Amino acid sequence: MTVIAWDGAALAADKRAVIGGGIARTVTKIVRRGDALLGITGDWDVGAELRAWWIGGADPMQFPVKAREGGATLIVIQRGRIFSYVSGPHPMEIEAPRAAWGSGRDYAEAAMLLGCDARRAVEVACELQTDCGNGVDVLAL
């Protein structure tokens, strides 16, 4: 499971991936590509395919078929704007100064509302959400 948080300046994510049978592994969920920060939640394979599609130019006609099932989310932070791709090639733009995704989302959003930055928000979520953890990655624009 996942927690990813954007505080308006930095994108932070936990590093835990839970694989079939409940095995926890350490992975990197956020990356920088050019002037954008990208994060993935949900089914790893689908999220990775969404990320590759976006990096390859995000042609709506080439949107991954499996992604249409909505099993993953691609988060794109670009020029301070938040875009979320779920089940189609046209993103939802989130008009908020901060946002969070994944199973730890509510904890992270509450922490940011109380003044925490994205890193601390993810750390808080990892303390409270049992399927989040294994460290924190942070990228700033």
N, C-alpha and C. Protein backbone atom coordinates (compact mmCIF):
# COMPACT_ATOMS: atom_id res chain seq x y z
N MET A 1 0.85 -1.17 0.00
CA MET A 1 0.00 0.00 0.00
C MET A 1 0.89 1.23 0.00
N THR A 2 0.30 2.41 0.09
CA THR A 2 1.06 3.61 -0.23
C THR A 2 0.58 4.82 0.55
N VAL A 3 1.50 5.76 0.75
CA VAL A 3 1.14 7.13 1.08
C VAL A 3 2.09 8.03 0.31
N ILE A 4 1.49 8.94 -0.45
CA ILE A 4 2.23 9.97 -1.19
C ILE A 4 1.61 11.32 -0.80
N ALA A 5 2.47 12.30 -0.50
CA ALA A 5 1.98 13.62 -0.08
C ALA A 5 2.69 14.72 -0.85
N TRP A 6 1.93 15.73 -1.23
CA TRP A 6 2.44 16.94 -1.89
C TRP A 6 2.07 18.12 -1.00
N ASP A 7 3.06 18.90 -0.60
CA ASP A 7 2.80 20.03 0.29
C ASP A 7 2.88 21.39 -0.40
N GLY A 8 3.00 21.39 -1.71
CA GLY A 8 3.13 22.63 -2.47
C GLY A 8 4.56 22.92 -2.88
N ALA A 9 5.50 22.22 -2.25
CA ALA A 9 6.91 22.41 -2.58
C ALA A 9 7.65 21.09 -2.78
N ALA A 10 7.19 20.05 -2.11
CA ALA A 10 7.88 18.76 -2.17
C ALA A 10 6.86 17.62 -2.26
N LEU A 11 7.28 16.56 -2.94
CA LEU A 11 6.50 15.33 -3.05
C LEU A 11 7.23 14.27 -2.23
N ALA A 12 6.52 13.61 -1.33
CA ALA A 12 7.12 12.58 -0.49
C ALA A 12 6.30 11.31 -0.60
N ALA A 13 6.99 10.17 -0.48
CA ALA A 13 6.30 8.88 -0.55
C ALA A 13 6.98 7.88 0.36
N ASP A 14 6.17 6.97 0.89
CA ASP A 14 6.76 5.86 1.62
C ASP A 14 7.37 4.90 0.60
N LYS A 15 8.05 3.87 1.08
CA LYS A 15 8.77 2.97 0.19
C LYS A 15 8.25 1.52 0.27
N ARG A 16 7.15 1.27 0.97
CA ARG A 16 6.67 -0.09 1.14
C ARG A 16 5.74 -0.51 0.01
N ALA A 17 6.03 -1.66 -0.55
CA ALA A 17 5.13 -2.31 -1.50
C ALA A 17 4.78 -3.67 -0.92
N VAL A 18 3.49 -3.98 -0.88
CA VAL A 18 3.05 -5.26 -0.37
C VAL A 18 2.69 -6.13 -1.56
N ILE A 19 3.39 -7.25 -1.65
CA ILE A 19 3.25 -8.17 -2.78
C ILE A 19 2.40 -9.35 -2.32
N GLY A 20 1.75 -10.04 -3.27
CA GLY A 20 0.91 -11.19 -2.97
C GLY A 20 1.42 -12.01 -1.80
N GLY A 21 0.53 -12.40 -0.91
CA GLY A 21 0.93 -13.16 0.25
C GLY A 21 1.38 -12.29 1.41
N GLY A 22 1.30 -10.98 1.25
CA GLY A 22 1.64 -10.07 2.34
C GLY A 22 3.12 -9.80 2.52
N ILE A 23 3.93 -10.11 1.53
CA ILE A 23 5.36 -9.86 1.63
C ILE A 23 5.62 -8.38 1.35
N ALA A 24 6.31 -7.70 2.27
CA ALA A 24 6.64 -6.28 2.09
C ALA A 24 8.02 -6.14 1.47
N ARG A 25 8.12 -5.31 0.46
CA ARG A 25 9.39 -5.01 -0.21
C ARG A 25 9.59 -3.50 -0.22
N THR A 26 10.83 -3.07 -0.43
CA THR A 26 11.16 -1.65 -0.49
C THR A 26 11.31 -1.23 -1.95
N VAL A 27 10.60 -0.18 -2.34
CA VAL A 27 10.59 0.32 -3.72
C VAL A 27 10.63 1.84 -3.71
N THR A 28 10.80 2.44 -4.89
CA THR A 28 10.74 3.89 -5.05
C THR A 28 9.50 4.22 -5.87
N LYS A 29 8.61 5.01 -5.29
CA LYS A 29 7.31 5.32 -5.91
C LYS A 29 7.26 6.68 -6.59
N ILE A 30 8.25 7.53 -6.34
CA ILE A 30 8.26 8.87 -6.94
C ILE A 30 9.56 9.07 -7.71
N VAL A 31 9.45 9.75 -8.85
CA VAL A 31 10.62 10.03 -9.69
C VAL A 31 10.49 11.43 -10.27
N ARG A 32 11.60 11.96 -10.73
CA ARG A 32 11.63 13.24 -11.43
C ARG A 32 11.86 12.96 -12.90
N ARG A 33 11.08 13.60 -13.78
CA ARG A 33 11.28 13.53 -15.22
C ARG A 33 11.14 14.94 -15.77
N GLY A 34 12.26 15.52 -16.18
CA GLY A 34 12.24 16.90 -16.68
C GLY A 34 11.76 17.83 -15.59
N ASP A 35 10.73 18.63 -15.90
CA ASP A 35 10.20 19.59 -14.94
C ASP A 35 9.03 19.02 -14.13
N ALA A 36 8.85 17.71 -14.16
CA ALA A 36 7.72 17.09 -13.48
C ALA A 36 8.18 16.09 -12.42
N LEU A 37 7.35 15.97 -11.39
CA LEU A 37 7.51 14.92 -10.39
C LEU A 37 6.36 13.93 -10.61
N LEU A 38 6.68 12.64 -10.63
CA LEU A 38 5.69 11.60 -10.90
C LEU A 38 5.62 10.64 -9.73
N GLY A 39 4.42 10.23 -9.36
CA GLY A 39 4.24 9.24 -8.32
C GLY A 39 3.21 8.22 -8.75
N ILE A 40 3.34 6.99 -8.25
CA ILE A 40 2.35 5.97 -8.58
C ILE A 40 1.83 5.31 -7.30
N THR A 41 0.54 5.01 -7.34
CA THR A 41 -0.12 4.27 -6.27
C THR A 41 -0.90 3.12 -6.90
N GLY A 42 -1.29 2.17 -6.07
CA GLY A 42 -2.10 1.06 -6.55
C GLY A 42 -1.27 -0.07 -7.09
N ASP A 43 -1.84 -0.82 -8.04
CA ASP A 43 -1.14 -1.97 -8.63
C ASP A 43 0.15 -1.51 -9.28
N TRP A 44 1.28 -2.05 -8.81
CA TRP A 44 2.59 -1.59 -9.28
C TRP A 44 2.72 -1.68 -10.79
N ASP A 45 2.37 -2.82 -11.39
CA ASP A 45 2.55 -3.01 -12.83
C ASP A 45 1.75 -1.98 -13.62
N VAL A 46 0.52 -1.72 -13.20
CA VAL A 46 -0.32 -0.76 -13.90
C VAL A 46 0.23 0.65 -13.70
N GLY A 47 0.65 0.98 -12.49
CA GLY A 47 1.22 2.29 -12.23
C GLY A 47 2.49 2.53 -13.02
N ALA A 48 3.35 1.52 -13.09
CA ALA A 48 4.58 1.65 -13.87
C ALA A 48 4.27 1.84 -15.35
N GLU A 49 3.24 1.17 -15.84
CA GLU A 49 2.85 1.33 -17.24
C GLU A 49 2.29 2.73 -17.49
N LEU A 50 1.50 3.24 -16.55
CA LEU A 50 1.01 4.62 -16.66
C LEU A 50 2.16 5.61 -16.70
N ARG A 51 3.12 5.42 -15.82
CA ARG A 51 4.28 6.32 -15.77
C ARG A 51 5.05 6.28 -17.09
N ALA A 52 5.29 5.09 -17.63
CA ALA A 52 5.99 4.96 -18.91
C ALA A 52 5.19 5.61 -20.03
N TRP A 53 3.87 5.47 -20.01
CA TRP A 53 3.01 6.11 -21.02
C TRP A 53 3.16 7.63 -20.96
N TRP A 54 3.14 8.20 -19.75
CA TRP A 54 3.26 9.65 -19.61
C TRP A 54 4.64 10.12 -20.07
N ILE A 55 5.69 9.42 -19.65
CA ILE A 55 7.05 9.78 -20.04
C ILE A 55 7.20 9.70 -21.56
N GLY A 56 6.51 8.76 -22.19
CA GLY A 56 6.57 8.58 -23.64
C GLY A 56 5.74 9.58 -24.43
N GLY A 57 5.11 10.54 -23.77
CA GLY A 57 4.37 11.57 -24.48
C GLY A 57 2.89 11.65 -24.16
N ALA A 58 2.35 10.70 -23.40
CA ALA A 58 0.95 10.72 -22.96
C ALA A 58 -0.06 10.84 -24.10
N ASP A 59 0.20 10.15 -25.20
CA ASP A 59 -0.74 10.13 -26.33
C ASP A 59 -2.04 9.46 -25.88
N PRO A 60 -3.18 10.20 -25.90
CA PRO A 60 -4.44 9.60 -25.45
C PRO A 60 -4.79 8.30 -26.17
N MET A 61 -4.39 8.18 -27.43
CA MET A 61 -4.70 6.96 -28.19
C MET A 61 -3.87 5.76 -27.73
N GLN A 62 -2.80 6.01 -26.99
CA GLN A 62 -1.93 4.95 -26.51
C GLN A 62 -2.12 4.66 -25.01
N PHE A 63 -3.18 5.18 -24.42
CA PHE A 63 -3.41 4.98 -22.99
C PHE A 63 -3.46 3.48 -22.68
N PRO A 64 -2.73 3.02 -21.65
CA PRO A 64 -2.68 1.59 -21.35
C PRO A 64 -4.06 0.98 -21.08
N VAL A 65 -4.34 -0.09 -21.76
CA VAL A 65 -5.64 -0.76 -21.64
C VAL A 65 -5.91 -1.17 -20.20
N LYS A 66 -4.94 -1.79 -19.55
CA LYS A 66 -5.13 -2.27 -18.17
C LYS A 66 -5.41 -1.11 -17.21
N ALA A 67 -4.87 0.07 -17.50
CA ALA A 67 -5.09 1.23 -16.63
C ALA A 67 -6.54 1.67 -16.63
N ARG A 68 -7.29 1.35 -17.68
CA ARG A 68 -8.71 1.73 -17.74
C ARG A 68 -9.52 1.09 -16.62
N GLU A 69 -9.00 0.03 -16.01
CA GLU A 69 -9.70 -0.64 -14.92
C GLU A 69 -9.58 0.14 -13.61
N GLY A 70 -8.72 1.16 -13.57
CA GLY A 70 -8.61 2.02 -12.39
C GLY A 70 -7.84 1.42 -11.23
N GLY A 71 -6.96 0.47 -11.49
CA GLY A 71 -6.21 -0.17 -10.41
C GLY A 71 -4.99 0.58 -9.94
N ALA A 72 -4.71 1.72 -10.56
CA ALA A 72 -3.54 2.50 -10.18
C ALA A 72 -3.81 3.98 -10.47
N THR A 73 -3.01 4.82 -9.84
CA THR A 73 -3.09 6.26 -10.07
C THR A 73 -1.70 6.77 -10.40
N LEU A 74 -1.62 7.62 -11.42
CA LEU A 74 -0.39 8.34 -11.74
C LEU A 74 -0.58 9.78 -11.29
N ILE A 75 0.31 10.25 -10.43
CA ILE A 75 0.28 11.61 -9.93
C ILE A 75 1.37 12.38 -10.66
N VAL A 76 1.00 13.53 -11.23
CA VAL A 76 1.96 14.36 -11.94
C VAL A 76 1.92 15.75 -11.31
N ILE A 77 3.06 16.19 -10.81
CA ILE A 77 3.21 17.55 -10.29
C ILE A 77 4.07 18.28 -11.30
N GLN A 78 3.51 19.33 -11.91
CA GLN A 78 4.24 20.05 -12.96
C GLN A 78 3.90 21.52 -12.87
N ARG A 79 4.93 22.35 -12.76
CA ARG A 79 4.77 23.80 -12.63
C ARG A 79 3.80 24.16 -11.49
N GLY A 80 3.91 23.41 -10.40
CA GLY A 80 3.10 23.67 -9.23
C GLY A 80 1.67 23.20 -9.33
N ARG A 81 1.31 22.57 -10.42
CA ARG A 81 -0.06 22.07 -10.61
C ARG A 81 -0.09 20.56 -10.36
N ILE A 82 -1.22 20.07 -9.87
CA ILE A 82 -1.39 18.67 -9.52
C ILE A 82 -2.34 18.02 -10.51
N PHE A 83 -1.87 16.94 -11.16
CA PHE A 83 -2.71 16.18 -12.09
C PHE A 83 -2.77 14.73 -11.63
N SER A 84 -3.95 14.13 -11.72
CA SER A 84 -4.15 12.75 -11.32
C SER A 84 -4.79 11.97 -12.47
N TYR A 85 -4.08 10.94 -12.93
CA TYR A 85 -4.60 10.05 -13.98
C TYR A 85 -5.03 8.75 -13.30
N VAL A 86 -6.27 8.33 -13.54
CA VAL A 86 -6.75 7.09 -12.93
C VAL A 86 -7.18 6.08 -13.98
N SER A 87 -8.24 6.35 -14.69
CA SER A 87 -8.75 5.33 -15.62
C SER A 87 -8.91 5.84 -17.05
N GLY A 88 -8.31 6.98 -17.35
CA GLY A 88 -8.39 7.52 -18.69
C GLY A 88 -7.25 8.49 -18.95
N PRO A 89 -7.08 8.87 -20.20
CA PRO A 89 -5.93 9.68 -20.59
C PRO A 89 -6.04 11.17 -20.28
N HIS A 90 -7.17 11.59 -19.73
CA HIS A 90 -7.37 13.00 -19.43
C HIS A 90 -7.39 13.16 -17.91
N PRO A 91 -6.42 13.88 -17.36
CA PRO A 91 -6.27 13.92 -15.90
C PRO A 91 -7.28 14.82 -15.22
N MET A 92 -7.45 14.55 -13.94
CA MET A 92 -8.17 15.46 -13.07
C MET A 92 -7.13 16.42 -12.52
N GLU A 93 -7.34 17.72 -12.69
CA GLU A 93 -6.45 18.69 -12.05
C GLU A 93 -7.01 18.98 -10.67
N ILE A 94 -6.18 18.79 -9.69
CA ILE A 94 -6.59 19.01 -8.30
C ILE A 94 -6.22 20.44 -7.94
N GLU A 95 -7.21 21.24 -7.65
CA GLU A 95 -7.01 22.65 -7.35
C GLU A 95 -6.91 22.85 -5.84
N ALA A 96 -5.78 22.45 -5.31
CA ALA A 96 -5.54 22.56 -3.86
C ALA A 96 -4.05 22.82 -3.64
N PRO A 97 -3.72 23.45 -2.54
CA PRO A 97 -2.31 23.72 -2.28
C PRO A 97 -1.53 22.48 -1.88
N ARG A 98 -2.21 21.45 -1.42
CA ARG A 98 -1.57 20.21 -1.00
C ARG A 98 -2.55 19.06 -1.22
N ALA A 99 -2.01 17.86 -1.30
CA ALA A 99 -2.86 16.68 -1.51
C ALA A 99 -2.09 15.44 -1.08
N ALA A 100 -2.83 14.35 -0.88
CA ALA A 100 -2.20 13.07 -0.54
C ALA A 100 -3.00 11.95 -1.17
N TRP A 101 -2.32 10.81 -1.37
CA TRP A 101 -2.92 9.66 -2.03
C TRP A 101 -2.53 8.40 -1.29
N GLY A 102 -3.27 7.32 -1.54
CA GLY A 102 -2.94 6.01 -1.01
C GLY A 102 -3.67 5.70 0.28
N SER A 103 -3.36 4.54 0.82
CA SER A 103 -4.05 4.08 2.03
C SER A 103 -3.73 4.95 3.24
N GLY A 104 -2.61 5.67 3.23
CA GLY A 104 -2.25 6.56 4.32
C GLY A 104 -2.65 8.01 4.09
N ARG A 105 -3.42 8.23 3.04
CA ARG A 105 -3.81 9.58 2.62
C ARG A 105 -4.42 10.42 3.74
N ASP A 106 -5.39 9.87 4.47
CA ASP A 106 -6.08 10.68 5.47
C ASP A 106 -5.14 11.15 6.57
N TYR A 107 -4.24 10.28 7.01
CA TYR A 107 -3.27 10.67 8.03
C TYR A 107 -2.35 11.76 7.50
N ALA A 108 -1.88 11.61 6.27
CA ALA A 108 -0.96 12.59 5.68
C ALA A 108 -1.66 13.94 5.49
N GLU A 109 -2.89 13.92 5.01
CA GLU A 109 -3.60 15.19 4.81
C GLU A 109 -3.85 15.89 6.14
N ALA A 110 -4.20 15.11 7.17
CA ALA A 110 -4.40 15.72 8.49
C ALA A 110 -3.10 16.32 9.02
N ALA A 111 -2.00 15.61 8.84
CA ALA A 111 -0.71 16.12 9.30
C ALA A 111 -0.35 17.42 8.58
N MET A 112 -0.57 17.46 7.26
CA MET A 112 -0.25 18.70 6.53
C MET A 112 -1.19 19.83 6.95
N LEU A 113 -2.45 19.53 7.22
CA LEU A 113 -3.39 20.54 7.69
C LEU A 113 -2.91 21.15 9.01
N LEU A 114 -2.23 20.33 9.80
CA LEU A 114 -1.71 20.80 11.08
C LEU A 114 -0.33 21.43 10.98
N GLY A 115 0.18 21.60 9.74
CA GLY A 115 1.43 22.32 9.54
C GLY A 115 2.65 21.49 9.18
N CYS A 116 2.51 20.19 9.07
CA CYS A 116 3.65 19.35 8.71
C CYS A 116 3.96 19.48 7.22
N ASP A 117 5.24 19.34 6.87
CA ASP A 117 5.60 19.28 5.46
C ASP A 117 5.33 17.86 4.95
N ALA A 118 5.54 17.65 3.65
CA ALA A 118 5.22 16.37 3.03
C ALA A 118 5.99 15.22 3.67
N ARG A 119 7.28 15.42 3.93
CA ARG A 119 8.08 14.36 4.55
C ARG A 119 7.48 13.93 5.89
N ARG A 120 7.23 14.91 6.74
CA ARG A 120 6.70 14.59 8.06
C ARG A 120 5.31 13.99 7.95
N ALA A 121 4.51 14.45 7.00
CA ALA A 121 3.17 13.89 6.80
C ALA A 121 3.24 12.41 6.45
N VAL A 122 4.19 12.04 5.59
CA VAL A 122 4.37 10.62 5.24
C VAL A 122 4.87 9.84 6.45
N GLU A 123 5.78 10.43 7.21
CA GLU A 123 6.26 9.76 8.42
C GLU A 123 5.13 9.49 9.40
N VAL A 124 4.25 10.47 9.58
CA VAL A 124 3.10 10.30 10.46
C VAL A 124 2.21 9.17 9.95
N ALA A 125 1.91 9.20 8.67
CA ALA A 125 1.06 8.15 8.08
C ALA A 125 1.69 6.77 8.27
N CYS A 126 3.00 6.69 8.14
CA CYS A 126 3.69 5.39 8.31
C CYS A 126 3.60 4.88 9.74
N GLU A 127 3.52 5.79 10.70
CA GLU A 127 3.36 5.39 12.10
C GLU A 127 1.96 4.83 12.36
N LEU A 128 0.97 5.32 11.64
CA LEU A 128 -0.43 4.98 11.93
C LEU A 128 -1.06 3.98 10.97
N GLN A 129 -0.56 3.91 9.75
CA GLN A 129 -1.12 3.02 8.73
C GLN A 129 -0.18 1.82 8.58
N THR A 130 -0.62 0.65 8.96
CA THR A 130 0.29 -0.50 9.04
C THR A 130 0.84 -0.96 7.71
N ASP A 131 0.20 -0.63 6.60
CA ASP A 131 0.71 -1.08 5.30
C ASP A 131 1.56 -0.01 4.60
N CYS A 132 1.99 1.01 5.33
CA CYS A 132 2.91 2.02 4.82
C CYS A 132 4.19 1.96 5.63
N GLY A 133 5.33 2.26 4.99
CA GLY A 133 6.57 2.26 5.73
C GLY A 133 7.79 2.05 4.87
N ASN A 134 8.83 1.45 5.44
CA ASN A 134 10.10 1.13 4.77
C ASN A 134 10.90 2.36 4.36
N GLY A 135 10.66 3.51 4.99
CA GLY A 135 11.41 4.71 4.67
C GLY A 135 10.60 5.71 3.88
N VAL A 136 11.24 6.83 3.58
CA VAL A 136 10.57 7.94 2.87
C VAL A 136 11.51 8.50 1.82
N ASP A 137 10.97 8.72 0.62
CA ASP A 137 11.66 9.46 -0.45
C ASP A 137 11.02 10.83 -0.56
N VAL A 138 11.83 11.85 -0.86
CA VAL A 138 11.33 13.21 -1.04
C VAL A 138 11.98 13.82 -2.28
N LEU A 139 11.15 14.47 -3.11
CA LEU A 139 11.62 15.23 -4.26
C LEU A 139 11.00 16.61 -4.22
N ALA A 140 11.80 17.64 -4.48
CA ALA A 140 11.29 19.01 -4.52
C ALA A 140 11.34 19.52 -5.94
N LEU A 141 10.41 20.41 -6.27
CA LEU A 141 10.41 21.05 -7.59
C LEU A 141 11.52 22.08 -7.65
